[in-house]
Amino acid sequence: MKNSSRFILSALAAASVFSAAAADPFKVKIPTQADDLQGAMLYLVNYDTGEKIDSILVDGPEAVFSGNIEEPTLVRMIVDGNRLGSFILENGSIVWSPERSEAFGSPLNDRLNEFGHKVQALSARLNETTPPEERDKVFAEYEKLVSKTLDENADNPIGYYLFIQEASQLSPNDFNLYLAKYPGLARYRKVAGIRNILAAREATQPGSKYIDFEIPQPDGKIARLSDYVEPGKYTLVDFWASWCGPCIREISVLKNLWEAYHNRGLDIVGVAVWDEPANTLDAISRLEIPWPCIIDAQTLPTDLYGISGIPCIILIGPDGTILSRDKQDTELLLDVMNALQAN
């Protein structure tokens, strides 16, 4: 679990989120002074299911949600399709702080904030620490903190949130061990989805044959991955989206590979996932991407390949075998160079 814990520590360092049921109804106060929020609909959405719990029209300096909820629930705030933050909706008084990007005032939110502050402190120590043995100590403290917090909160949304962050980096076996220890987590929809993602990822590791798929395109034609994976050539498949900063940064790496190796048998094909077609096309034009791209693929290929985060780049060999996946930057360059030199 150490590798996944190191990944999560980095991911959580800049994040803070999230209350136990009380007898009183909930009241959530959310400052909305920003001009771009006025006149917009603000939604509270169930983090696990995506279902809308409540909504309010923003027409002043503060939005106030009130009501009752049967059990504490992790929610997202969404306005005009953009995510403003997440917290735990529970009965009691809750205040959202835009400056701190956290909710406070209720038991579970305050408890999760305490966890987040401890993670930030560990992250600060990690940034200051260079000797490997000292960094190992920080990671060990983080693993202990996560384990203790999960043990104490496996029956509430804090435990669910921590498990969701950890689970996508686990092996299928470790995932099942987690669920055996915390069986209550199996009731969440996202947990079931992650199980499927891990199984698909396991089935598409290097050494496996690539899986074909077909996607209707905006022009009415059908695009298949096999249209671009030419036998006898090496093919890089870049799963990306226009809104994804790391995807955009990786484009320059792919351009270098394209310029250096395209005439030596390397093809590249983009697959736009989780994106609006118009935004994808605009990014292709703006970034001057020279290779073809399958548009509007959404979740079909990411489900097939067990992709939980993008960019995800897969190198397919001349016989259709996956040679590399989930590599970026220098590691990707080395895998491509080694594959071409071995041919």
C-alpha atoms as a PDB file:
ATOM      1  CA  MET A   1       0.000   0.000   0.000  1.00  0.00           C
ATOM      2  CA  LYS A   2       3.008   2.276   0.324  1.00  0.00           C
ATOM      3  CA  ASN A   3       2.997   3.466  -3.312  1.00  0.00           C
ATOM      4  CA  SER A   4      -0.685   4.344  -3.200  1.00  0.00           C
ATOM      5  CA  SER A   5      -0.198   6.162   0.107  1.00  0.00           C
ATOM      6  CA  ARG A   6       2.561   8.272  -1.367  1.00  0.00           C
ATOM      7  CA  PHE A   7       0.320   9.174  -4.265  1.00  0.00           C
ATOM      8  CA  ILE A   8      -2.569  10.112  -1.972  1.00  0.00           C
ATOM      9  CA  LEU A   9      -0.393  12.221   0.322  1.00  0.00           C
ATOM     10  CA  SER A  10       0.608  14.367  -2.641  1.00  0.00           C
ATOM     11  CA  ALA A  11      -2.974  14.576  -3.884  1.00  0.00           C
ATOM     12  CA  LEU A  12      -4.455  15.485  -0.503  1.00  0.00           C
ATOM     13  CA  ALA A  13      -1.826  18.019   0.465  1.00  0.00           C
ATOM     14  CA  ALA A  14      -3.678  20.906  -1.175  1.00  0.00           C
ATOM     15  CA  ALA A  15      -7.133  19.570  -0.453  1.00  0.00           C
ATOM     16  CA  SER A  16      -9.520  19.909   2.405  1.00  0.00           C
ATOM     17  CA  VAL A  17     -13.184  19.155   2.383  1.00  0.00           C
ATOM     18  CA  PHE A  18     -15.770  18.147   4.466  1.00  0.00           C
ATOM     19  CA  SER A  19     -20.777  16.424   9.866  1.00  0.00           C
ATOM     20  CA  ALA A  20     -22.704  13.307  12.570  1.00  0.00           C
ATOM     21  CA  ALA A  21     -26.398  13.514  12.601  1.00  0.00           C
ATOM     22  CA  ALA A  22     -27.902  15.827  15.200  1.00  0.00           C
ATOM     23  CA  ALA A  23     -31.447  16.365  16.310  1.00  0.00           C
ATOM     24  CA  ASP A  24     -31.691  19.784  14.655  1.00  0.00           C
ATOM     25  CA  PRO A  25     -32.263  20.314  10.901  1.00  0.00           C
ATOM     26  CA  PHE A  26     -29.284  21.283   8.778  1.00  0.00           C
ATOM     27  CA  LYS A  27     -28.529  24.861   7.808  1.00  0.00           C
ATOM     28  CA  VAL A  28     -25.706  25.479   5.363  1.00  0.00           C
ATOM     29  CA  LYS A  29     -24.448  29.022   4.773  1.00  0.00           C
ATOM     30  CA  ILE A  30     -22.406  29.595   1.606  1.00  0.00           C
ATOM     31  CA  PRO A  31     -20.952  33.042   0.778  1.00  0.00           C
ATOM     32  CA  THR A  32     -21.774  34.022  -2.811  1.00  0.00           C
ATOM     33  CA  GLN A  33     -20.306  37.511  -3.174  1.00  0.00           C
ATOM     34  CA  ALA A  34     -18.646  36.667  -6.507  1.00  0.00           C
ATOM     35  CA  ASP A  35     -20.345  38.515  -9.362  1.00  0.00           C
ATOM     36  CA  ASP A  36     -20.246  35.464 -11.619  1.00  0.00           C
ATOM     37  CA  LEU A  37     -22.411  33.519  -9.142  1.00  0.00           C
ATOM     38  CA  GLN A  38     -25.266  36.004  -9.063  1.00  0.00           C
ATOM     39  CA  GLY A  39     -28.338  34.783 -10.920  1.00  0.00           C
ATOM     40  CA  ALA A  40     -26.964  31.234 -11.183  1.00  0.00           C
ATOM     41  CA  MET A  41     -28.426  28.040  -9.733  1.00  0.00           C
ATOM     42  CA  LEU A  42     -26.327  26.517  -6.974  1.00  0.00           C
ATOM     43  CA  TYR A  43     -26.799  22.776  -6.486  1.00  0.00           C
ATOM     44  CA  LEU A  44     -25.957  20.361  -3.712  1.00  0.00           C
ATOM     45  CA  VAL A  45     -25.213  17.033  -5.401  1.00  0.00           C
ATOM     46  CA  ASN A  46     -24.670  13.637  -3.821  1.00  0.00           C
ATOM     47  CA  TYR A  47     -20.956  12.910  -4.298  1.00  0.00           C
ATOM     48  CA  ASP A  48     -21.533   9.179  -4.635  1.00  0.00           C
ATOM     49  CA  THR A  49     -24.599   8.993  -6.869  1.00  0.00           C
ATOM     50  CA  GLY A  50     -24.598  12.354  -8.678  1.00  0.00           C
ATOM     51  CA  GLU A  51     -28.223  12.951  -7.629  1.00  0.00           C
ATOM     52  CA  LYS A  52     -29.296  16.546  -6.899  1.00  0.00           C
ATOM     53  CA  ILE A  53     -30.235  16.982  -3.246  1.00  0.00           C
ATOM     54  CA  ASP A  54     -31.184  20.663  -3.258  1.00  0.00           C
ATOM     55  CA  SER A  55     -30.801  23.843  -5.303  1.00  0.00           C
ATOM     56  CA  ILE A  56     -31.086  27.570  -4.768  1.00  0.00           C
ATOM     57  CA  LEU A  57     -30.994  30.657  -6.999  1.00  0.00           C
ATOM     58  CA  VAL A  58     -28.097  32.898  -6.033  1.00  0.00           C
ATOM     59  CA  ASP A  59     -29.401  36.454  -5.601  1.00  0.00           C
ATOM     60  CA  GLY A  60     -27.418  37.902  -2.719  1.00  0.00           C
ATOM     61  CA  PRO A  61     -24.214  37.717  -0.689  1.00  0.00           C
ATOM     62  CA  GLU A  62     -25.111  34.381   0.896  1.00  0.00           C
ATOM     63  CA  ALA A  63     -26.911  31.203  -0.128  1.00  0.00           C
ATOM     64  CA  VAL A  64     -28.616  29.274   2.665  1.00  0.00           C
ATOM     65  CA  PHE A  65     -29.703  25.653   2.368  1.00  0.00           C
ATOM     66  CA  SER A  66     -31.899  24.205   5.117  1.00  0.00           C
ATOM     67  CA  GLY A  67     -33.802  21.000   5.738  1.00  0.00           C
ATOM     68  CA  ASN A  68     -33.365  17.522   7.175  1.00  0.00           C
ATOM     69  CA  ILE A  69     -31.252  14.638   5.984  1.00  0.00           C
ATOM     70  CA  GLU A  70     -31.573  11.056   7.169  1.00  0.00           C
ATOM     71  CA  GLU A  71     -27.842  10.347   7.359  1.00  0.00           C
ATOM     72  CA  PRO A  72     -24.648  12.333   6.795  1.00  0.00           C
ATOM     73  CA  THR A  73     -23.862  12.511   3.082  1.00  0.00           C
ATOM     74  CA  LEU A  74     -20.825  13.695   1.176  1.00  0.00           C
ATOM     75  CA  VAL A  75     -21.950  16.392  -1.286  1.00  0.00           C
ATOM     76  CA  ARG A  76     -20.536  18.592  -4.004  1.00  0.00           C
ATOM     77  CA  MET A  77     -21.509  22.200  -4.670  1.00  0.00           C
ATOM     78  CA  ILE A  78     -22.004  22.816  -8.376  1.00  0.00           C
ATOM     79  CA  VAL A  79     -22.885  26.023 -10.212  1.00  0.00           C
ATOM     80  CA  ASP A  80     -23.101  26.264 -14.011  1.00  0.00           C
ATOM     81  CA  GLY A  81     -21.437  22.864 -14.261  1.00  0.00           C
ATOM     82  CA  ASN A  82     -18.416  23.960 -12.219  1.00  0.00           C
ATOM     83  CA  ARG A  83     -17.494  22.356  -8.897  1.00  0.00           C
ATOM     84  CA  LEU A  84     -17.105  24.838  -6.031  1.00  0.00           C
ATOM     85  CA  GLY A  85     -16.101  22.353  -3.351  1.00  0.00           C
ATOM     86  CA  SER A  86     -17.267  19.423  -1.242  1.00  0.00           C
ATOM     87  CA  PHE A  87     -18.341  18.877   2.335  1.00  0.00           C
ATOM     88  CA  ILE A  88     -20.453  16.554   4.466  1.00  0.00           C
ATOM     89  CA  LEU A  89     -24.106  17.476   4.648  1.00  0.00           C
ATOM     90  CA  GLU A  90     -25.481  16.568   8.072  1.00  0.00           C
ATOM     91  CA  ASN A  91     -28.047  17.952  10.461  1.00  0.00           C
ATOM     92  CA  GLY A  92     -26.707  20.950  12.348  1.00  0.00           C
ATOM     93  CA  SER A  93     -25.146  24.288  11.435  1.00  0.00           C
ATOM     94  CA  ILE A  94     -22.558  24.332   8.648  1.00  0.00           C
ATOM     95  CA  VAL A  95     -20.627  27.269   7.201  1.00  0.00           C
ATOM     96  CA  TRP A  96     -18.599  27.039   4.001  1.00  0.00           C
ATOM     97  CA  SER A  97     -15.358  29.013   3.918  1.00  0.00           C
ATOM     98  CA  PRO A  98     -14.222  29.867   0.357  1.00  0.00           C
ATOM     99  CA  GLU A  99     -10.888  31.100   1.708  1.00  0.00           C
ATOM    100  CA  ARG A 100     -10.120  27.779   3.406  1.00  0.00           C
ATOM    101  CA  SER A 101     -12.065  25.636   0.925  1.00  0.00           C
ATOM    102  CA  GLU A 102     -13.699  23.755   3.780  1.00  0.00           C
ATOM    103  CA  ALA A 103     -16.937  23.538   5.746  1.00  0.00           C
ATOM    104  CA  PHE A 104     -16.939  23.867   9.506  1.00  0.00           C
ATOM    105  CA  GLY A 105     -19.282  23.987  12.477  1.00  0.00           C
ATOM    106  CA  SER A 106     -20.559  20.410  12.481  1.00  0.00           C
ATOM    107  CA  PRO A 107     -18.888  17.320  13.990  1.00  0.00           C
ATOM    108  CA  LEU A 108     -17.879  15.363  10.882  1.00  0.00           C
ATOM    109  CA  ASN A 109     -16.797  18.397   8.890  1.00  0.00           C
ATOM    110  CA  ASP A 110     -14.641  19.594  11.785  1.00  0.00           C
ATOM    111  CA  ARG A 111     -13.196  16.100  12.197  1.00  0.00           C
ATOM    112  CA  LEU A 112     -12.294  15.882   8.518  1.00  0.00           C
ATOM    113  CA  ASN A 113     -10.787  19.366   8.597  1.00  0.00           C
ATOM    114  CA  GLU A 114      -8.559  18.235  11.460  1.00  0.00           C
ATOM    115  CA  PHE A 115      -7.403  15.315   9.323  1.00  0.00           C
ATOM    116  CA  GLY A 116      -6.785  17.641   6.357  1.00  0.00           C
ATOM    117  CA  HIS A 117      -4.701  20.024   8.471  1.00  0.00           C
ATOM    118  CA  LYS A 118      -2.545  17.124   9.681  1.00  0.00           C
ATOM    119  CA  VAL A 119      -2.024  16.045   6.064  1.00  0.00           C
ATOM    120  CA  GLN A 120      -1.001  19.582   5.117  1.00  0.00           C
ATOM    121  CA  ALA A 121       1.523  19.624   7.944  1.00  0.00           C
ATOM    122  CA  LEU A 122       2.988  16.325   6.749  1.00  0.00           C
ATOM    123  CA  SER A 123       3.108  17.648   3.203  1.00  0.00           C
ATOM    124  CA  ALA A 124       4.990  20.734   4.364  1.00  0.00           C
ATOM    125  CA  ARG A 125       7.526  18.490   6.097  1.00  0.00           C
ATOM    126  CA  LEU A 126       7.799  16.401   2.936  1.00  0.00           C
ATOM    127  CA  ASN A 127       8.596  19.485   0.856  1.00  0.00           C
ATOM    128  CA  GLU A 128      11.300  20.496   3.346  1.00  0.00           C
ATOM    129  CA  THR A 129      12.810  17.015   3.588  1.00  0.00           C
ATOM    130  CA  THR A 130      15.395  15.693   1.156  1.00  0.00           C
ATOM    131  CA  PRO A 131      17.105  12.659   2.810  1.00  0.00           C
ATOM    132  CA  PRO A 132      15.272   9.474   1.739  1.00  0.00           C
ATOM    133  CA  GLU A 133      15.118   8.148   5.294  1.00  0.00           C
ATOM    134  CA  GLU A 134      13.368  11.304   6.503  1.00  0.00           C
ATOM    135  CA  ARG A 135      10.888  11.183   3.634  1.00  0.00           C
ATOM    136  CA  ASP A 136      10.163   7.560   4.499  1.00  0.00           C
ATOM    137  CA  LYS A 137       9.341   8.641   8.055  1.00  0.00           C
ATOM    138  CA  VAL A 138       6.841  11.205   6.752  1.00  0.00           C
ATOM    139  CA  PHE A 139       5.165   8.626   4.508  1.00  0.00           C
ATOM    140  CA  ALA A 140       5.007   6.175   7.416  1.00  0.00           C
ATOM    141  CA  GLU A 141       3.313   8.823   9.587  1.00  0.00           C
ATOM    142  CA  TYR A 142       0.857   9.509   6.788  1.00  0.00           C
ATOM    143  CA  GLU A 143       0.008   5.822   6.383  1.00  0.00           C
ATOM    144  CA  LYS A 144      -0.572   5.556  10.143  1.00  0.00           C
ATOM    145  CA  LEU A 145      -2.778   8.664  10.115  1.00  0.00           C
ATOM    146  CA  VAL A 146      -4.897   7.374   7.221  1.00  0.00           C
ATOM    147  CA  SER A 147      -5.276   3.937   8.795  1.00  0.00           C
ATOM    148  CA  LYS A 148      -6.313   5.381  12.165  1.00  0.00           C
ATOM    149  CA  THR A 149      -8.758   7.852  10.597  1.00  0.00           C
ATOM    150  CA  LEU A 150     -10.307   5.169   8.405  1.00  0.00           C
ATOM    151  CA  ASP A 151     -10.667   2.800  11.359  1.00  0.00           C
ATOM    152  CA  GLU A 152     -12.472   5.478  13.351  1.00  0.00           C
ATOM    153  CA  ASN A 153     -14.740   6.594  10.491  1.00  0.00           C
ATOM    154  CA  ALA A 154     -15.468   3.515   8.372  1.00  0.00           C
ATOM    155  CA  ASP A 155     -19.203   3.920   9.070  1.00  0.00           C
ATOM    156  CA  ASN A 156     -19.494   7.548   7.926  1.00  0.00           C
ATOM    157  CA  PRO A 157     -18.629   9.697   4.874  1.00  0.00           C
ATOM    158  CA  ILE A 158     -15.118  10.450   6.133  1.00  0.00           C
ATOM    159  CA  GLY A 159     -14.195   6.791   5.791  1.00  0.00           C
ATOM    160  CA  TYR A 160     -15.875   6.671   2.392  1.00  0.00           C
ATOM    161  CA  TYR A 161     -13.978   9.744   1.190  1.00  0.00           C
ATOM    162  CA  LEU A 162     -10.608   8.412   2.341  1.00  0.00           C
ATOM    163  CA  PHE A 163     -11.249   5.027   0.761  1.00  0.00           C
ATOM    164  CA  ILE A 164     -12.257   6.572  -2.566  1.00  0.00           C
ATOM    165  CA  GLN A 165      -8.974   8.515  -2.635  1.00  0.00           C
ATOM    166  CA  GLU A 166      -6.965   5.399  -1.822  1.00  0.00           C
ATOM    167  CA  ALA A 167      -8.874   2.739  -3.770  1.00  0.00           C
ATOM    168  CA  SER A 168      -8.089   3.763  -7.338  1.00  0.00           C
ATOM    169  CA  GLN A 169      -4.376   3.137  -6.681  1.00  0.00           C
ATOM    170  CA  LEU A 170      -4.825  -0.333  -5.185  1.00  0.00           C
ATOM    171  CA  SER A 171      -4.386  -3.723  -6.777  1.00  0.00           C
ATOM    172  CA  PRO A 172      -7.613  -5.754  -7.071  1.00  0.00           C
ATOM    173  CA  ASN A 173      -6.370  -7.996  -4.241  1.00  0.00           C
ATOM    174  CA  ASP A 174      -5.657  -5.087  -1.881  1.00  0.00           C
ATOM    175  CA  PHE A 175      -9.019  -3.568  -2.812  1.00  0.00           C
ATOM    176  CA  ASN A 176     -10.784  -6.772  -1.759  1.00  0.00           C
ATOM    177  CA  LEU A 177      -8.778  -6.874   1.480  1.00  0.00           C
ATOM    178  CA  TYR A 178      -9.955  -3.357   2.271  1.00  0.00           C
ATOM    179  CA  LEU A 179     -13.600  -4.280   1.683  1.00  0.00           C
ATOM    180  CA  ALA A 180     -13.212  -7.397   3.813  1.00  0.00           C
ATOM    181  CA  LYS A 181     -12.015  -5.173   6.661  1.00  0.00           C
ATOM    182  CA  TYR A 182     -14.609  -2.427   6.041  1.00  0.00           C
ATOM    183  CA  PRO A 183     -17.622  -4.231   4.477  1.00  0.00           C
ATOM    184  CA  GLY A 184     -19.907  -1.223   4.940  1.00  0.00           C
ATOM    185  CA  LEU A 185     -18.030   0.639   2.206  1.00  0.00           C
ATOM    186  CA  ALA A 186     -19.366  -1.783  -0.415  1.00  0.00           C
ATOM    187  CA  ARG A 187     -22.761  -0.041  -0.318  1.00  0.00           C
ATOM    188  CA  TYR A 188     -21.431   3.002  -2.155  1.00  0.00           C
ATOM    189  CA  ARG A 189     -21.884   3.217  -5.918  1.00  0.00           C
ATOM    190  CA  LYS A 190     -18.429   4.663  -6.595  1.00  0.00           C
ATOM    191  CA  VAL A 191     -16.825   1.792  -4.704  1.00  0.00           C
ATOM    192  CA  ALA A 192     -18.482  -0.700  -7.053  1.00  0.00           C
ATOM    193  CA  GLY A 193     -17.319   1.398  -9.990  1.00  0.00           C
ATOM    194  CA  ILE A 194     -13.734   1.368  -8.751  1.00  0.00           C
ATOM    195  CA  ARG A 195     -13.844  -2.420  -8.483  1.00  0.00           C
ATOM    196  CA  ASN A 196     -14.710  -2.548 -12.197  1.00  0.00           C
ATOM    197  CA  ILE A 197     -11.983  -0.021 -13.035  1.00  0.00           C
ATOM    198  CA  LEU A 198      -9.333  -2.041 -11.207  1.00  0.00           C
ATOM    199  CA  ALA A 199     -10.372  -5.244 -12.986  1.00  0.00           C
ATOM    200  CA  ALA A 200     -10.245  -3.497 -16.385  1.00  0.00           C
ATOM    201  CA  ARG A 201      -6.864  -1.964 -15.583  1.00  0.00           C
ATOM    202  CA  GLU A 202      -5.527  -5.381 -14.585  1.00  0.00           C
ATOM    203  CA  ALA A 203      -6.728  -6.822 -17.921  1.00  0.00           C
ATOM    204  CA  THR A 204      -4.974  -4.136 -19.981  1.00  0.00           C
ATOM    205  CA  GLN A 205      -1.511  -4.140 -18.449  1.00  0.00           C
ATOM    206  CA  PRO A 206       1.606  -4.468 -20.634  1.00  0.00           C
ATOM    207  CA  GLY A 207       1.663  -7.875 -22.284  1.00  0.00           C
ATOM    208  CA  SER A 208      -2.082  -7.849 -23.020  1.00  0.00           C
ATOM    209  CA  LYS A 209      -3.643  -7.216 -26.429  1.00  0.00           C
ATOM    210  CA  TYR A 210      -5.269  -3.832 -26.874  1.00  0.00           C
ATOM    211  CA  ILE A 211      -9.072  -3.649 -26.793  1.00  0.00           C
ATOM    212  CA  ASP A 212     -10.823  -2.063 -29.748  1.00  0.00           C
ATOM    213  CA  PHE A 213     -13.802   0.296 -29.411  1.00  0.00           C
ATOM    214  CA  GLU A 214     -15.942   2.429 -31.688  1.00  0.00           C
ATOM    215  CA  ILE A 215     -17.297   5.924 -31.098  1.00  0.00           C
ATOM    216  CA  PRO A 216     -19.867   7.861 -33.202  1.00  0.00           C
ATOM    217  CA  GLN A 217     -18.273  11.122 -34.336  1.00  0.00           C
ATOM    218  CA  PRO A 218     -19.889  14.566 -34.638  1.00  0.00           C
ATOM    219  CA  ASP A 219     -19.837  14.217 -38.452  1.00  0.00           C
ATOM    220  CA  GLY A 220     -21.912  11.016 -38.259  1.00  0.00           C
ATOM    221  CA  LYS A 221     -19.056   8.621 -39.013  1.00  0.00           C
ATOM    222  CA  ILE A 222     -17.877   5.834 -36.716  1.00  0.00           C
ATOM    223  CA  ALA A 223     -14.305   6.010 -35.430  1.00  0.00           C
ATOM    224  CA  ARG A 224     -12.627   2.822 -34.225  1.00  0.00           C
ATOM    225  CA  LEU A 225      -9.358   2.607 -32.351  1.00  0.00           C
ATOM    226  CA  SER A 226      -8.325  -0.122 -34.797  1.00  0.00           C
ATOM    227  CA  ASP A 227      -8.611   2.450 -37.613  1.00  0.00           C
ATOM    228  CA  TYR A 228      -5.471   4.079 -36.189  1.00  0.00           C
ATOM    229  CA  VAL A 229      -3.531   1.113 -34.795  1.00  0.00           C
ATOM    230  CA  GLU A 230      -1.742  -0.049 -37.925  1.00  0.00           C
ATOM    231  CA  PRO A 231      -0.145  -3.526 -37.855  1.00  0.00           C
ATOM    232  CA  GLY A 232       3.623  -3.279 -38.056  1.00  0.00           C
ATOM    233  CA  LYS A 233       3.761   0.149 -36.420  1.00  0.00           C
ATOM    234  CA  TYR A 234       3.990   1.457 -32.889  1.00  0.00           C
ATOM    235  CA  THR A 235       1.017   3.528 -31.721  1.00  0.00           C
ATOM    236  CA  LEU A 236       0.710   5.886 -28.771  1.00  0.00           C
ATOM    237  CA  VAL A 237      -2.905   6.309 -27.637  1.00  0.00           C
ATOM    238  CA  ASP A 238      -3.422   9.482 -25.620  1.00  0.00           C
ATOM    239  CA  PHE A 239      -6.605   9.594 -23.512  1.00  0.00           C
ATOM    240  CA  TRP A 240      -7.074  13.279 -22.702  1.00  0.00           C
ATOM    241  CA  ALA A 241      -9.499  16.205 -22.302  1.00  0.00           C
ATOM    242  CA  SER A 242      -9.338  19.898 -23.133  1.00  0.00           C
ATOM    243  CA  TRP A 243      -9.960  20.969 -19.506  1.00  0.00           C
ATOM    244  CA  CYS A 244      -7.178  18.755 -18.105  1.00  0.00           C
ATOM    245  CA  GLY A 245      -4.049  20.793 -17.301  1.00  0.00           C
ATOM    246  CA  PRO A 246      -1.676  17.791 -17.103  1.00  0.00           C
ATOM    247  CA  CYS A 247      -3.069  16.559 -20.445  1.00  0.00           C
ATOM    248  CA  ILE A 248      -2.282  19.875 -22.090  1.00  0.00           C
ATOM    249  CA  ARG A 249       1.241  19.906 -20.641  1.00  0.00           C
ATOM    250  CA  GLU A 250       1.874  16.375 -21.923  1.00  0.00           C
ATOM    251  CA  ILE A 251       0.986  17.436 -25.477  1.00  0.00           C
ATOM    252  CA  SER A 252       4.446  19.019 -25.834  1.00  0.00           C
ATOM    253  CA  VAL A 253       6.072  15.694 -24.887  1.00  0.00           C
ATOM    254  CA  LEU A 254       3.967  13.902 -27.491  1.00  0.00           C
ATOM    255  CA  LYS A 255       4.857  16.512 -30.105  1.00  0.00           C
ATOM    256  CA  ASN A 256       8.553  15.862 -29.472  1.00  0.00           C
ATOM    257  CA  LEU A 257       7.964  12.143 -29.920  1.00  0.00           C
ATOM    258  CA  TRP A 258       5.948  12.776 -33.074  1.00  0.00           C
ATOM    259  CA  GLU A 259       8.672  14.917 -34.613  1.00  0.00           C
ATOM    260  CA  ALA A 260      11.465  12.521 -33.645  1.00  0.00           C
ATOM    261  CA  TYR A 261       9.869   9.163 -34.414  1.00  0.00           C
ATOM    262  CA  HIS A 262       6.836   9.538 -36.672  1.00  0.00           C
ATOM    263  CA  ASN A 263       8.960   8.860 -39.768  1.00  0.00           C
ATOM    264  CA  ARG A 264      10.482   5.860 -37.994  1.00  0.00           C
ATOM    265  CA  GLY A 265       7.220   3.997 -37.459  1.00  0.00           C
ATOM    266  CA  LEU A 266       5.517   5.745 -34.532  1.00  0.00           C
ATOM    267  CA  ASP A 267       1.898   6.861 -34.824  1.00  0.00           C
ATOM    268  CA  ILE A 268      -0.126   8.814 -32.268  1.00  0.00           C
ATOM    269  CA  VAL A 269      -3.897   8.989 -31.864  1.00  0.00           C
ATOM    270  CA  GLY A 270      -5.752  11.097 -29.345  1.00  0.00           C
ATOM    271  CA  VAL A 271      -8.932   9.903 -27.655  1.00  0.00           C
ATOM    272  CA  ALA A 272     -10.922  12.752 -26.090  1.00  0.00           C
ATOM    273  CA  VAL A 273     -12.766  11.541 -22.985  1.00  0.00           C
ATOM    274  CA  TRP A 274     -15.029  13.259 -20.439  1.00  0.00           C
ATOM    275  CA  ASP A 275     -15.151  16.361 -22.652  1.00  0.00           C
ATOM    276  CA  GLU A 276     -17.482  18.432 -24.784  1.00  0.00           C
ATOM    277  CA  PRO A 277     -16.807  17.943 -28.541  1.00  0.00           C
ATOM    278  CA  ALA A 278     -16.665  21.683 -29.244  1.00  0.00           C
ATOM    279  CA  ASN A 279     -14.079  22.175 -26.487  1.00  0.00           C
ATOM    280  CA  THR A 280     -12.011  19.266 -27.799  1.00  0.00           C
ATOM    281  CA  LEU A 281     -12.006  20.635 -31.347  1.00  0.00           C
ATOM    282  CA  ASP A 282     -11.079  24.094 -30.100  1.00  0.00           C
ATOM    283  CA  ALA A 283      -8.134  22.647 -28.137  1.00  0.00           C
ATOM    284  CA  ILE A 284      -6.927  20.625 -31.136  1.00  0.00           C
ATOM    285  CA  SER A 285      -6.879  23.800 -33.224  1.00  0.00           C
ATOM    286  CA  ARG A 286      -5.376  26.009 -30.515  1.00  0.00           C
ATOM    287  CA  LEU A 287      -2.640  23.525 -29.618  1.00  0.00           C
ATOM    288  CA  GLU A 288      -1.979  22.650 -33.284  1.00  0.00           C
ATOM    289  CA  ILE A 289      -2.133  18.925 -32.598  1.00  0.00           C
ATOM    290  CA  PRO A 290      -0.935  17.176 -35.790  1.00  0.00           C
ATOM    291  CA  TRP A 291      -2.164  13.625 -35.107  1.00  0.00           C
ATOM    292  CA  PRO A 292      -5.762  12.388 -35.508  1.00  0.00           C
ATOM    293  CA  CYS A 293      -8.158  12.374 -32.568  1.00  0.00           C
ATOM    294  CA  ILE A 294     -11.296  10.406 -31.749  1.00  0.00           C
ATOM    295  CA  ILE A 295     -13.854  12.917 -30.459  1.00  0.00           C
ATOM    296  CA  ASP A 296     -16.540  12.584 -27.776  1.00  0.00           C
ATOM    297  CA  ALA A 297     -15.444   9.181 -26.463  1.00  0.00           C
ATOM    298  CA  GLN A 298     -16.686  10.017 -22.940  1.00  0.00           C
ATOM    299  CA  THR A 299     -16.506   7.016 -20.575  1.00  0.00           C
ATOM    300  CA  LEU A 300     -16.585   4.027 -22.941  1.00  0.00           C
ATOM    301  CA  PRO A 301     -12.798   3.671 -23.444  1.00  0.00           C
ATOM    302  CA  THR A 302     -11.925   4.666 -19.884  1.00  0.00           C
ATOM    303  CA  ASP A 303     -14.220   1.919 -18.614  1.00  0.00           C
ATOM    304  CA  LEU A 304     -12.629  -0.604 -20.985  1.00  0.00           C
ATOM    305  CA  TYR A 305      -9.082   0.287 -19.949  1.00  0.00           C
ATOM    306  CA  GLY A 306      -9.707   0.975 -16.267  1.00  0.00           C
ATOM    307  CA  ILE A 307      -8.648   4.615 -16.488  1.00  0.00           C
ATOM    308  CA  SER A 308      -9.426   6.682 -13.393  1.00  0.00           C
ATOM    309  CA  GLY A 309      -7.290   9.713 -14.233  1.00  0.00           C
ATOM    310  CA  ILE A 310      -5.968  11.461 -17.330  1.00  0.00           C
ATOM    311  CA  PRO A 311      -3.761  11.823 -19.206  1.00  0.00           C
ATOM    312  CA  CYS A 312      -3.423   8.097 -19.670  1.00  0.00           C
ATOM    313  CA  ILE A 313      -1.035   7.151 -22.462  1.00  0.00           C
ATOM    314  CA  ILE A 314      -0.783   3.611 -23.807  1.00  0.00           C
ATOM    315  CA  LEU A 315       1.919   2.343 -26.181  1.00  0.00           C
ATOM    316  CA  ILE A 316       0.775  -0.444 -28.512  1.00  0.00           C
ATOM    317  CA  GLY A 317       3.330  -2.565 -30.388  1.00  0.00           C
ATOM    318  CA  PRO A 318       3.305  -3.724 -34.023  1.00  0.00           C
ATOM    319  CA  ASP A 319       1.425  -6.935 -33.121  1.00  0.00           C
ATOM    320  CA  GLY A 320      -1.252  -5.156 -31.072  1.00  0.00           C
ATOM    321  CA  THR A 321       0.341  -5.902 -27.678  1.00  0.00           C
ATOM    322  CA  ILE A 322       0.304  -3.209 -25.007  1.00  0.00           C
ATOM    323  CA  LEU A 323       3.927  -2.373 -24.245  1.00  0.00           C
ATOM    324  CA  SER A 324       3.512   0.487 -21.773  1.00  0.00           C
ATOM    325  CA  ARG A 325       0.748   2.418 -20.007  1.00  0.00           C
ATOM    326  CA  ASP A 326       0.332   5.167 -17.434  1.00  0.00           C
ATOM    327  CA  LYS A 327       3.752   6.693 -18.153  1.00  0.00           C
ATOM    328  CA  GLN A 328       4.462  10.377 -18.738  1.00  0.00           C
ATOM    329  CA  ASP A 329       7.360  12.709 -19.420  1.00  0.00           C
ATOM    330  CA  THR A 330      10.808  11.069 -19.187  1.00  0.00           C
ATOM    331  CA  GLU A 331       9.423   7.611 -18.397  1.00  0.00           C
ATOM    332  CA  LEU A 332       7.246   7.747 -21.510  1.00  0.00           C
ATOM    333  CA  LEU A 333      10.137   8.920 -23.665  1.00  0.00           C
ATOM    334  CA  LEU A 334      12.309   6.060 -22.432  1.00  0.00           C
ATOM    335  CA  ASP A 335       9.627   3.433 -23.060  1.00  0.00           C
ATOM    336  CA  VAL A 336       9.096   4.653 -26.631  1.00  0.00           C
ATOM    337  CA  MET A 337      12.835   4.859 -27.350  1.00  0.00           C
ATOM    338  CA  ASN A 338      13.475   1.387 -25.921  1.00  0.00           C
ATOM    339  CA  ALA A 339      10.592  -0.118 -27.889  1.00  0.00           C
ATOM    340  CA  LEU A 340      11.734   1.369 -31.180  1.00  0.00           C
ATOM    341  CA  GLN A 341      15.367   0.436 -30.629  1.00  0.00           C
ATOM    342  CA  ALA A 342      14.399  -3.151 -29.803  1.00  0.00           C
ATOM    343  CA  ASN A 343      12.534  -3.489 -33.106  1.00  0.00           C
END
